[in-house]
Amino acid sequence: MAVKVNALDHLVINVSDVARSTEWYGRILGMEVKVFDPGEGKAPRTSLVFGNQKINVRPRDASKIEWFTADHETPGSEDLCFLTSSTPDEVVAHLNANGVKVEEGPSAKHGARGMLRSVYCRDPDGSLIEISSYEDGAS
């Protein structure tokens, strides 16, 4: 029998400045910033929590001994899509009010469960952030 995954628990993003990035994700995307103890005598880590998921925020210069990580940890290389219950017009207004440039959108895109209305911007390191809602209102 093959292994079959059914959800994403967390992911790790690499950033040049943890404080700057977590402030942005908190202010722009409403994520909760949490510091946690990874155990095993390692230094505390920072995560962004939203819904039932979290993003661990890894500083670019973190030790590979301290963090078990991918081979090529490059800030600004992520392309992430987040779902919201806000309308695309509300997303655009929020980004504009916070001085975040809209790169594209609102535009129709294909999501995991159907058609999305998406607005694109960039985080402080230049990663592409897609903020989307399903056209049928499902979240």
N, C-alpha and C. Protein backbone atom coordinates (compact mmCIF):
# COMPACT_ATOMS: atom_id res chain seq x y z
N MET A 1 0.85 -1.19 0.00
CA MET A 1 0.00 0.00 0.00
C MET A 1 0.89 1.25 0.00
N ALA A 2 0.58 2.17 -0.87
CA ALA A 2 1.35 3.41 -0.97
C ALA A 2 0.94 4.39 0.13
N VAL A 3 1.88 5.22 0.54
CA VAL A 3 1.59 6.29 1.49
C VAL A 3 0.81 7.38 0.75
N LYS A 4 -0.23 7.87 1.39
CA LYS A 4 -1.02 8.94 0.79
C LYS A 4 -1.21 10.03 1.84
N VAL A 5 -0.70 11.24 1.55
CA VAL A 5 -0.87 12.34 2.49
C VAL A 5 -2.25 12.97 2.28
N ASN A 6 -2.78 13.61 3.35
CA ASN A 6 -4.11 14.20 3.22
C ASN A 6 -4.18 15.65 3.69
N ALA A 7 -3.08 16.21 4.14
CA ALA A 7 -3.10 17.61 4.57
C ALA A 7 -1.68 18.12 4.73
N LEU A 8 -1.57 19.43 4.79
CA LEU A 8 -0.29 20.09 5.07
C LEU A 8 -0.36 20.61 6.50
N ASP A 9 0.57 20.21 7.35
CA ASP A 9 0.58 20.65 8.74
C ASP A 9 1.30 21.98 8.89
N HIS A 10 2.51 22.07 8.37
CA HIS A 10 3.27 23.31 8.43
C HIS A 10 4.29 23.34 7.30
N LEU A 11 4.82 24.50 7.05
CA LEU A 11 5.92 24.64 6.11
C LEU A 11 6.89 25.63 6.70
N VAL A 12 8.06 25.72 6.10
CA VAL A 12 9.11 26.61 6.58
C VAL A 12 9.45 27.60 5.47
N ILE A 13 9.49 28.88 5.83
CA ILE A 13 9.98 29.87 4.88
C ILE A 13 11.30 30.41 5.40
N ASN A 14 12.18 30.72 4.49
CA ASN A 14 13.47 31.30 4.81
C ASN A 14 13.39 32.80 4.60
N VAL A 15 13.83 33.56 5.60
CA VAL A 15 13.72 35.02 5.53
C VAL A 15 15.04 35.68 5.90
N SER A 16 15.21 36.91 5.44
CA SER A 16 16.42 37.65 5.78
C SER A 16 16.31 38.31 7.15
N ASP A 17 15.08 38.60 7.61
CA ASP A 17 14.87 39.27 8.88
C ASP A 17 13.57 38.76 9.51
N VAL A 18 13.68 37.94 10.55
CA VAL A 18 12.51 37.31 11.17
C VAL A 18 11.53 38.35 11.69
N ALA A 19 12.01 39.36 12.40
CA ALA A 19 11.12 40.37 12.98
C ALA A 19 10.36 41.13 11.88
N ARG A 20 11.05 41.52 10.83
CA ARG A 20 10.41 42.25 9.74
C ARG A 20 9.36 41.38 9.05
N SER A 21 9.70 40.13 8.79
CA SER A 21 8.78 39.24 8.10
C SER A 21 7.56 38.90 8.94
N THR A 22 7.78 38.59 10.22
CA THR A 22 6.64 38.22 11.06
C THR A 22 5.72 39.42 11.29
N GLU A 23 6.28 40.63 11.38
CA GLU A 23 5.45 41.82 11.50
C GLU A 23 4.59 41.97 10.25
N TRP A 24 5.16 41.77 9.08
CA TRP A 24 4.43 41.91 7.82
C TRP A 24 3.32 40.87 7.72
N TYR A 25 3.63 39.60 7.97
CA TYR A 25 2.61 38.55 7.88
C TYR A 25 1.50 38.76 8.91
N GLY A 26 1.84 39.28 10.08
CA GLY A 26 0.84 39.57 11.08
C GLY A 26 -0.05 40.73 10.67
N ARG A 27 0.55 41.81 10.20
CA ARG A 27 -0.20 43.02 9.83
C ARG A 27 -0.97 42.84 8.54
N ILE A 28 -0.37 42.23 7.54
CA ILE A 28 -1.00 42.14 6.22
C ILE A 28 -1.93 40.93 6.11
N LEU A 29 -1.56 39.80 6.69
CA LEU A 29 -2.37 38.60 6.54
C LEU A 29 -3.06 38.16 7.82
N GLY A 30 -2.88 38.91 8.90
CA GLY A 30 -3.58 38.60 10.14
C GLY A 30 -3.11 37.35 10.84
N MET A 31 -1.90 36.91 10.56
CA MET A 31 -1.37 35.71 11.20
C MET A 31 -0.88 36.03 12.61
N GLU A 32 -0.99 35.05 13.49
CA GLU A 32 -0.53 35.22 14.87
C GLU A 32 0.93 34.77 14.98
N VAL A 33 1.76 35.62 15.55
CA VAL A 33 3.17 35.30 15.72
C VAL A 33 3.34 34.57 17.05
N LYS A 34 3.97 33.40 17.00
CA LYS A 34 4.22 32.62 18.22
C LYS A 34 5.69 32.20 18.26
N VAL A 35 6.24 32.25 19.44
CA VAL A 35 7.59 31.74 19.67
C VAL A 35 7.44 30.42 20.41
N PHE A 36 8.17 29.41 19.95
CA PHE A 36 8.04 28.10 20.59
C PHE A 36 9.41 27.47 20.83
N ASP A 37 9.43 26.54 21.74
CA ASP A 37 10.66 25.82 22.10
C ASP A 37 10.69 24.52 21.30
N PRO A 38 11.67 24.36 20.40
CA PRO A 38 11.74 23.15 19.60
C PRO A 38 12.30 21.95 20.37
N GLY A 39 12.75 22.20 21.60
CA GLY A 39 13.31 21.11 22.40
C GLY A 39 14.74 20.79 22.02
N GLU A 40 15.25 19.73 22.60
CA GLU A 40 16.60 19.23 22.31
C GLU A 40 17.68 20.29 22.51
N GLY A 41 17.44 21.27 23.40
CA GLY A 41 18.44 22.30 23.68
C GLY A 41 18.62 23.32 22.58
N LYS A 42 17.71 23.36 21.62
CA LYS A 42 17.81 24.32 20.51
C LYS A 42 17.22 25.66 20.92
N ALA A 43 17.64 26.71 20.23
CA ALA A 43 17.14 28.06 20.49
C ALA A 43 15.66 28.15 20.13
N PRO A 44 14.91 29.04 20.79
CA PRO A 44 13.49 29.23 20.45
C PRO A 44 13.32 29.58 18.98
N ARG A 45 12.16 29.23 18.44
CA ARG A 45 11.84 29.48 17.04
C ARG A 45 10.56 30.28 16.94
N THR A 46 10.38 30.91 15.81
CA THR A 46 9.21 31.74 15.58
C THR A 46 8.34 31.11 14.50
N SER A 47 7.04 31.18 14.72
CA SER A 47 6.11 30.66 13.73
C SER A 47 4.97 31.65 13.52
N LEU A 48 4.30 31.48 12.42
CA LEU A 48 3.10 32.24 12.07
C LEU A 48 1.95 31.25 12.05
N VAL A 49 0.93 31.50 12.85
CA VAL A 49 -0.18 30.57 12.99
C VAL A 49 -1.44 31.19 12.38
N PHE A 50 -2.16 30.37 11.62
CA PHE A 50 -3.43 30.79 11.01
C PHE A 50 -4.25 29.54 10.77
N GLY A 51 -5.55 29.59 11.10
CA GLY A 51 -6.38 28.40 10.94
C GLY A 51 -5.76 27.24 11.70
N ASN A 52 -5.66 26.10 11.04
CA ASN A 52 -5.05 24.91 11.63
C ASN A 52 -3.63 24.68 11.12
N GLN A 53 -3.02 25.72 10.57
CA GLN A 53 -1.69 25.58 10.00
C GLN A 53 -0.71 26.54 10.67
N LYS A 54 0.56 26.27 10.37
CA LYS A 54 1.57 27.22 10.80
C LYS A 54 2.70 27.24 9.78
N ILE A 55 3.39 28.37 9.80
CA ILE A 55 4.60 28.55 9.00
C ILE A 55 5.72 28.80 9.99
N ASN A 56 6.76 27.97 9.94
CA ASN A 56 7.95 28.24 10.74
C ASN A 56 8.81 29.21 9.96
N VAL A 57 9.34 30.21 10.66
CA VAL A 57 10.11 31.27 10.01
C VAL A 57 11.58 31.07 10.35
N ARG A 58 12.35 30.67 9.34
CA ARG A 58 13.75 30.34 9.53
C ARG A 58 14.63 31.50 9.07
N PRO A 59 15.50 32.01 9.95
CA PRO A 59 16.42 33.06 9.51
C PRO A 59 17.43 32.52 8.50
N ARG A 60 17.73 33.31 7.50
CA ARG A 60 18.65 32.91 6.43
C ARG A 60 19.96 32.36 6.97
N ASP A 61 20.49 32.95 8.01
CA ASP A 61 21.80 32.55 8.52
C ASP A 61 21.73 31.50 9.64
N ALA A 62 20.59 30.86 9.80
CA ALA A 62 20.46 29.82 10.84
C ALA A 62 21.37 28.64 10.52
N SER A 63 21.88 28.04 11.55
CA SER A 63 22.77 26.90 11.42
C SER A 63 22.02 25.67 10.92
N LYS A 64 22.64 24.97 9.98
CA LYS A 64 22.03 23.72 9.51
C LYS A 64 22.08 22.65 10.59
N ILE A 65 22.96 22.82 11.55
CA ILE A 65 23.00 21.91 12.69
C ILE A 65 21.80 22.18 13.59
N GLU A 66 21.48 23.47 13.76
CA GLU A 66 20.36 23.89 14.60
C GLU A 66 19.01 23.60 13.93
N TRP A 67 18.93 23.79 12.63
CA TRP A 67 17.69 23.58 11.87
C TRP A 67 17.91 22.45 10.87
N PHE A 68 17.08 21.45 10.90
CA PHE A 68 17.07 20.42 9.87
C PHE A 68 16.28 21.03 8.72
N THR A 69 16.95 21.32 7.60
CA THR A 69 16.32 22.16 6.58
C THR A 69 16.66 21.69 5.16
N ALA A 70 16.01 22.34 4.21
CA ALA A 70 16.27 22.07 2.80
C ALA A 70 17.71 22.44 2.45
N ASP A 71 18.17 21.98 1.31
CA ASP A 71 19.54 22.25 0.90
C ASP A 71 19.78 23.68 0.44
N HIS A 72 18.76 24.33 -0.08
CA HIS A 72 18.94 25.67 -0.67
C HIS A 72 17.96 26.64 -0.03
N GLU A 73 18.32 27.16 1.13
CA GLU A 73 17.44 28.07 1.87
C GLU A 73 17.67 29.50 1.39
N THR A 74 16.78 29.95 0.50
CA THR A 74 16.93 31.25 -0.12
C THR A 74 15.73 32.14 0.19
N PRO A 75 15.92 33.22 0.95
CA PRO A 75 14.81 34.15 1.19
C PRO A 75 14.26 34.70 -0.12
N GLY A 76 12.95 34.83 -0.18
CA GLY A 76 12.32 35.40 -1.37
C GLY A 76 12.00 34.40 -2.45
N SER A 77 12.21 33.11 -2.20
CA SER A 77 11.98 32.10 -3.24
C SER A 77 10.62 31.41 -3.14
N GLU A 78 9.82 31.80 -2.15
CA GLU A 78 8.52 31.15 -1.97
C GLU A 78 7.47 31.72 -2.92
N ASP A 79 6.48 30.90 -3.21
CA ASP A 79 5.31 31.27 -4.00
C ASP A 79 4.15 30.62 -3.27
N LEU A 80 3.44 31.40 -2.43
CA LEU A 80 2.45 30.85 -1.51
C LEU A 80 1.06 31.40 -1.81
N CYS A 81 0.06 30.56 -1.70
CA CYS A 81 -1.32 30.96 -1.89
C CYS A 81 -2.09 30.76 -0.59
N PHE A 82 -2.71 31.83 -0.10
CA PHE A 82 -3.50 31.78 1.12
C PHE A 82 -4.96 32.06 0.79
N LEU A 83 -5.87 31.36 1.48
CA LEU A 83 -7.30 31.57 1.29
C LEU A 83 -7.82 32.57 2.31
N THR A 84 -8.77 33.37 1.89
CA THR A 84 -9.40 34.36 2.77
C THR A 84 -10.90 34.35 2.53
N SER A 85 -11.65 34.80 3.53
CA SER A 85 -13.09 34.98 3.34
C SER A 85 -13.38 36.40 2.87
N SER A 86 -12.37 37.25 2.79
CA SER A 86 -12.53 38.61 2.29
C SER A 86 -12.71 38.58 0.78
N THR A 87 -13.38 39.58 0.26
CA THR A 87 -13.54 39.68 -1.20
C THR A 87 -12.24 40.19 -1.81
N PRO A 88 -12.03 39.94 -3.09
CA PRO A 88 -10.83 40.48 -3.74
C PRO A 88 -10.72 42.00 -3.61
N ASP A 89 -11.85 42.72 -3.71
CA ASP A 89 -11.81 44.18 -3.57
C ASP A 89 -11.38 44.58 -2.16
N GLU A 90 -11.82 43.83 -1.15
CA GLU A 90 -11.40 44.11 0.22
C GLU A 90 -9.90 43.85 0.38
N VAL A 91 -9.39 42.80 -0.27
CA VAL A 91 -7.96 42.49 -0.21
C VAL A 91 -7.16 43.63 -0.83
N VAL A 92 -7.57 44.09 -2.01
CA VAL A 92 -6.87 45.18 -2.68
C VAL A 92 -6.89 46.43 -1.82
N ALA A 93 -8.04 46.76 -1.24
CA ALA A 93 -8.14 47.95 -0.39
C ALA A 93 -7.22 47.84 0.82
N HIS A 94 -7.16 46.66 1.44
CA HIS A 94 -6.31 46.43 2.60
C HIS A 94 -4.83 46.57 2.23
N LEU A 95 -4.44 45.97 1.12
CA LEU A 95 -3.04 46.08 0.68
C LEU A 95 -2.69 47.54 0.40
N ASN A 96 -3.56 48.24 -0.33
CA ASN A 96 -3.31 49.65 -0.64
C ASN A 96 -3.19 50.48 0.64
N ALA A 97 -4.08 50.23 1.60
CA ALA A 97 -4.07 50.99 2.85
C ALA A 97 -2.80 50.76 3.66
N ASN A 98 -2.15 49.60 3.43
CA ASN A 98 -0.93 49.27 4.15
C ASN A 98 0.33 49.47 3.32
N GLY A 99 0.19 50.12 2.18
CA GLY A 99 1.35 50.44 1.35
C GLY A 99 1.98 49.24 0.67
N VAL A 100 1.19 48.18 0.45
CA VAL A 100 1.69 46.98 -0.22
C VAL A 100 1.24 47.02 -1.67
N LYS A 101 2.18 46.96 -2.58
CA LYS A 101 1.89 47.02 -4.02
C LYS A 101 1.18 45.75 -4.48
N VAL A 102 0.09 45.92 -5.20
CA VAL A 102 -0.60 44.80 -5.84
C VAL A 102 0.15 44.48 -7.12
N GLU A 103 0.64 43.25 -7.22
CA GLU A 103 1.40 42.84 -8.41
C GLU A 103 0.46 42.45 -9.55
N GLU A 104 -0.68 41.82 -9.19
CA GLU A 104 -1.66 41.39 -10.20
C GLU A 104 -2.98 41.13 -9.49
N GLY A 105 -4.05 41.30 -10.23
CA GLY A 105 -5.35 40.90 -9.72
C GLY A 105 -6.22 42.08 -9.35
N PRO A 106 -7.43 41.72 -9.01
CA PRO A 106 -7.97 40.37 -8.89
C PRO A 106 -8.06 39.68 -10.27
N SER A 107 -7.75 38.40 -10.26
CA SER A 107 -7.81 37.62 -11.49
C SER A 107 -8.23 36.19 -11.17
N ALA A 108 -8.79 35.53 -12.18
CA ALA A 108 -9.26 34.16 -12.02
C ALA A 108 -8.07 33.20 -12.13
N LYS A 109 -7.99 32.28 -11.18
CA LYS A 109 -6.93 31.27 -11.16
C LYS A 109 -7.53 29.92 -10.79
N HIS A 110 -6.81 28.86 -11.11
CA HIS A 110 -7.24 27.51 -10.75
C HIS A 110 -6.67 27.14 -9.39
N GLY A 111 -7.53 26.85 -8.43
CA GLY A 111 -7.10 26.42 -7.11
C GLY A 111 -7.23 24.91 -6.97
N ALA A 112 -6.96 24.41 -5.78
CA ALA A 112 -7.02 22.97 -5.53
C ALA A 112 -8.44 22.42 -5.64
N ARG A 113 -9.46 23.28 -5.36
CA ARG A 113 -10.85 22.81 -5.35
C ARG A 113 -11.75 23.56 -6.32
N GLY A 114 -11.18 24.32 -7.22
CA GLY A 114 -12.01 25.05 -8.17
C GLY A 114 -11.40 26.40 -8.51
N MET A 115 -12.24 27.28 -9.02
CA MET A 115 -11.77 28.58 -9.47
C MET A 115 -11.64 29.56 -8.30
N LEU A 116 -10.53 30.29 -8.32
CA LEU A 116 -10.23 31.29 -7.32
C LEU A 116 -10.27 32.68 -7.94
N ARG A 117 -10.49 33.68 -7.11
CA ARG A 117 -10.25 35.07 -7.46
C ARG A 117 -9.04 35.47 -6.63
N SER A 118 -7.95 35.80 -7.27
CA SER A 118 -6.66 35.99 -6.59
C SER A 118 -6.11 37.39 -6.76
N VAL A 119 -5.44 37.84 -5.70
CA VAL A 119 -4.70 39.10 -5.70
C VAL A 119 -3.28 38.75 -5.28
N TYR A 120 -2.30 39.26 -6.02
CA TYR A 120 -0.90 38.95 -5.76
C TYR A 120 -0.15 40.16 -5.22
N CYS A 121 0.74 39.90 -4.27
CA CYS A 121 1.65 40.92 -3.76
C CYS A 121 2.96 40.20 -3.39
N ARG A 122 3.88 40.92 -2.80
CA ARG A 122 5.15 40.32 -2.38
C ARG A 122 5.41 40.61 -0.91
N ASP A 123 6.03 39.63 -0.23
CA ASP A 123 6.41 39.83 1.17
C ASP A 123 7.71 40.63 1.22
N PRO A 124 8.22 40.95 2.41
CA PRO A 124 9.43 41.80 2.49
C PRO A 124 10.66 41.24 1.77
N ASP A 125 10.75 39.92 1.60
CA ASP A 125 11.90 39.34 0.89
C ASP A 125 11.65 39.17 -0.60
N GLY A 126 10.43 39.46 -1.06
CA GLY A 126 10.11 39.33 -2.48
C GLY A 126 9.38 38.05 -2.84
N SER A 127 9.07 37.20 -1.87
CA SER A 127 8.29 36.00 -2.18
C SER A 127 6.92 36.42 -2.71
N LEU A 128 6.41 35.65 -3.66
CA LEU A 128 5.12 35.94 -4.24
C LEU A 128 4.02 35.42 -3.32
N ILE A 129 3.10 36.30 -2.93
CA ILE A 129 2.01 35.95 -2.04
C ILE A 129 0.71 36.13 -2.80
N GLU A 130 -0.05 35.05 -2.89
CA GLU A 130 -1.36 35.06 -3.56
C GLU A 130 -2.42 34.99 -2.46
N ILE A 131 -3.33 35.94 -2.45
CA ILE A 131 -4.41 35.99 -1.47
C ILE A 131 -5.70 35.75 -2.24
N SER A 132 -6.37 34.65 -1.94
CA SER A 132 -7.45 34.18 -2.80
C SER A 132 -8.71 33.82 -2.05
N SER A 133 -9.80 33.84 -2.81
CA SER A 133 -11.07 33.33 -2.30
C SER A 133 -11.72 32.52 -3.42
N TYR A 134 -12.40 31.45 -3.02
CA TYR A 134 -13.10 30.64 -4.02
C TYR A 134 -14.30 31.40 -4.54
N GLU A 135 -14.54 31.29 -5.84
CA GLU A 135 -15.65 32.01 -6.46
C GLU A 135 -16.99 31.60 -5.89
N ASP A 136 -17.09 30.36 -5.41
CA ASP A 136 -18.36 29.89 -4.84
C ASP A 136 -18.51 30.24 -3.37
N GLY A 137 -17.52 30.95 -2.82
CA GLY A 137 -17.58 31.37 -1.42
C GLY A 137 -17.07 30.33 -0.45
N ALA A 138 -16.71 29.14 -0.91
CA ALA A 138 -16.18 28.09 -0.01
C ALA A 138 -14.82 28.50 0.50
N SER A 139 -14.52 28.10 1.73
CA SER A 139 -13.20 28.44 2.28
C SER A 139 -12.44 27.21 2.65
